[in-house]
Amino acid sequence: MDSDAHSAFYCKGFFDAPTPPQAPPPSPGPAWGRPQDLPWPDEVLAEGYRRSRGAFCLREADGFSLAYPLDCRAPFPLPALFCFARARCLGGRGWWVFAFGPEGLPRFPGA
């Protein structure tokens, strides 16, 4: 991978030395809160969620969404669901957003 700062593949912090943990990120918006009692019909989804940290949840009429801070120095939050993630700008910063139906099954963005 090209480490040139002008490369399309360069992400500030990716090639730099690790930095100490920072304060938790602010919420992606006023409607987002910390998740509680989410339905997980699949043990792989449940285990991936338990291992991830720092999620915010938005309850919606047709399910819920989870948002994780987009940080290229941190591991991807839900590896089993990488193809369902959307990169979005919420509250002035980047977030990985995952959409789920009411039963806890992942939905493709826009579906």
Protein backbone atom coordinates (compact mmCIF):
# COMPACT_ATOMS: atom_id res chain seq x y z
CA MET A 1 0.00 0.00 0.00
CA ASP A 2 1.27 3.44 -0.87
CA SER A 3 2.11 5.51 2.21
CA ASP A 4 2.24 8.81 0.30
CA ALA A 5 0.05 11.41 2.04
CA HIS A 6 -1.46 12.35 -1.35
CA SER A 7 -2.43 8.79 -2.23
CA ALA A 8 -6.11 7.89 -2.37
CA PHE A 9 -5.27 5.04 0.01
CA TYR A 10 -3.69 7.17 2.71
CA CYS A 11 -5.67 7.58 5.92
CA LYS A 12 -4.23 9.92 8.53
CA GLY A 13 -3.24 7.84 11.51
CA PHE A 14 -3.08 4.53 9.66
CA PHE A 15 0.68 4.63 9.12
CA ASP A 16 1.41 6.72 12.20
CA ALA A 17 2.41 5.35 15.58
CA PRO A 18 -0.52 4.31 17.77
CA THR A 19 -2.00 7.11 19.82
CA PRO A 20 -3.36 6.81 23.34
CA PRO A 21 -7.08 6.14 23.64
CA GLN A 22 -9.18 9.23 23.18
CA ALA A 23 -12.37 10.28 24.92
CA PRO A 24 -15.51 8.56 23.62
CA PRO A 25 -16.85 10.25 20.51
CA PRO A 26 -19.85 12.52 20.75
CA SER A 27 -23.19 11.11 19.70
CA PRO A 28 -23.98 11.11 15.96
CA GLY A 29 -27.09 13.18 16.73
CA PRO A 30 -29.77 13.92 19.32
CA ALA A 31 -31.95 10.93 18.33
CA TRP A 32 -29.07 8.46 18.80
CA GLY A 33 -28.62 6.75 22.18
CA ARG A 34 -26.75 3.82 23.66
CA PRO A 35 -28.22 0.46 22.59
CA GLN A 36 -30.03 -1.78 25.04
CA ASP A 37 -31.76 -5.13 24.61
CA LEU A 38 -31.32 -5.51 20.86
CA PRO A 39 -32.84 -8.56 19.15
CA TRP A 40 -30.15 -10.88 17.72
CA PRO A 41 -31.63 -13.97 16.02
CA ASP A 42 -28.19 -15.21 15.02
CA GLU A 43 -25.37 -16.06 17.46
CA VAL A 44 -22.69 -14.76 15.03
CA LEU A 45 -24.40 -11.35 15.00
CA ALA A 46 -24.83 -11.41 18.78
CA GLU A 47 -21.16 -12.31 19.36
CA GLY A 48 -19.93 -9.67 16.91
CA TYR A 49 -22.05 -7.07 18.66
CA ARG A 50 -20.80 -8.12 22.13
CA ARG A 51 -17.18 -7.77 20.97
CA SER A 52 -17.74 -4.33 19.46
CA ARG A 53 -17.73 -1.21 21.59
CA GLY A 54 -18.83 2.39 21.20
CA ALA A 55 -22.09 1.89 19.30
CA PHE A 56 -24.96 4.33 19.23
CA CYS A 57 -28.47 3.17 18.33
CA LEU A 58 -31.31 4.87 16.47
CA ARG A 59 -34.71 3.22 16.89
CA GLU A 60 -36.85 3.45 13.77
CA ALA A 61 -40.38 2.31 12.88
CA ASP A 62 -38.97 -0.43 10.62
CA GLY A 63 -36.05 -1.54 12.84
CA PHE A 64 -32.96 0.14 14.16
CA SER A 65 -29.54 1.39 13.07
CA LEU A 66 -26.20 1.15 14.82
CA ALA A 67 -23.47 3.76 14.33
CA TYR A 68 -19.79 3.28 15.19
CA PRO A 69 -17.10 5.96 14.94
CA LEU A 70 -15.19 5.65 11.67
CA ASP A 71 -11.56 5.37 12.77
CA CYS A 72 -8.97 3.89 10.42
CA ARG A 73 -6.73 3.05 13.40
CA ALA A 74 -9.39 0.85 15.02
CA PRO A 75 -10.55 -2.58 13.89
CA PHE A 76 -13.74 -2.70 11.83
CA PRO A 77 -16.59 -2.85 14.38
CA LEU A 78 -18.71 -5.70 12.96
CA PRO A 79 -16.53 -7.78 10.61
CA ALA A 80 -19.27 -10.27 9.76
CA LEU A 81 -21.38 -7.38 8.44
CA PHE A 82 -18.78 -5.42 6.45
CA CYS A 83 -20.88 -5.51 3.25
CA PHE A 84 -23.87 -3.97 5.08
CA ALA A 85 -21.97 -0.92 6.37
CA ARG A 86 -22.40 2.60 5.05
CA ALA A 87 -19.88 5.34 5.71
CA ARG A 88 -21.84 8.45 6.70
CA CYS A 89 -21.09 11.88 8.07
CA LEU A 90 -23.20 12.48 11.17
CA GLY A 91 -22.66 15.30 13.63
CA GLY A 92 -19.59 16.49 11.71
CA ARG A 93 -17.61 13.24 11.81
CA GLY A 94 -17.45 9.88 10.04
CA TRP A 95 -19.50 6.90 11.22
CA TRP A 96 -20.01 3.31 10.10
CA VAL A 97 -23.80 2.83 10.03
CA PHE A 98 -25.53 -0.56 9.97
CA ALA A 99 -29.29 -0.93 9.40
CA PHE A 100 -31.34 -3.78 10.89
CA GLY A 101 -34.97 -4.86 10.58
CA PRO A 102 -37.21 -5.14 13.66
CA GLU A 103 -36.17 -8.78 14.18
CA GLY A 104 -32.45 -7.87 14.22
CA LEU A 105 -31.56 -9.08 10.72
CA PRO A 106 -29.25 -6.81 8.71
CA ARG A 107 -30.60 -4.76 5.81
CA PHE A 108 -28.68 -3.46 2.83
CA PRO A 109 -28.50 0.33 2.73
CA GLY A 110 -31.56 1.75 1.02
CA ALA A 111 -33.57 -1.48 1.39
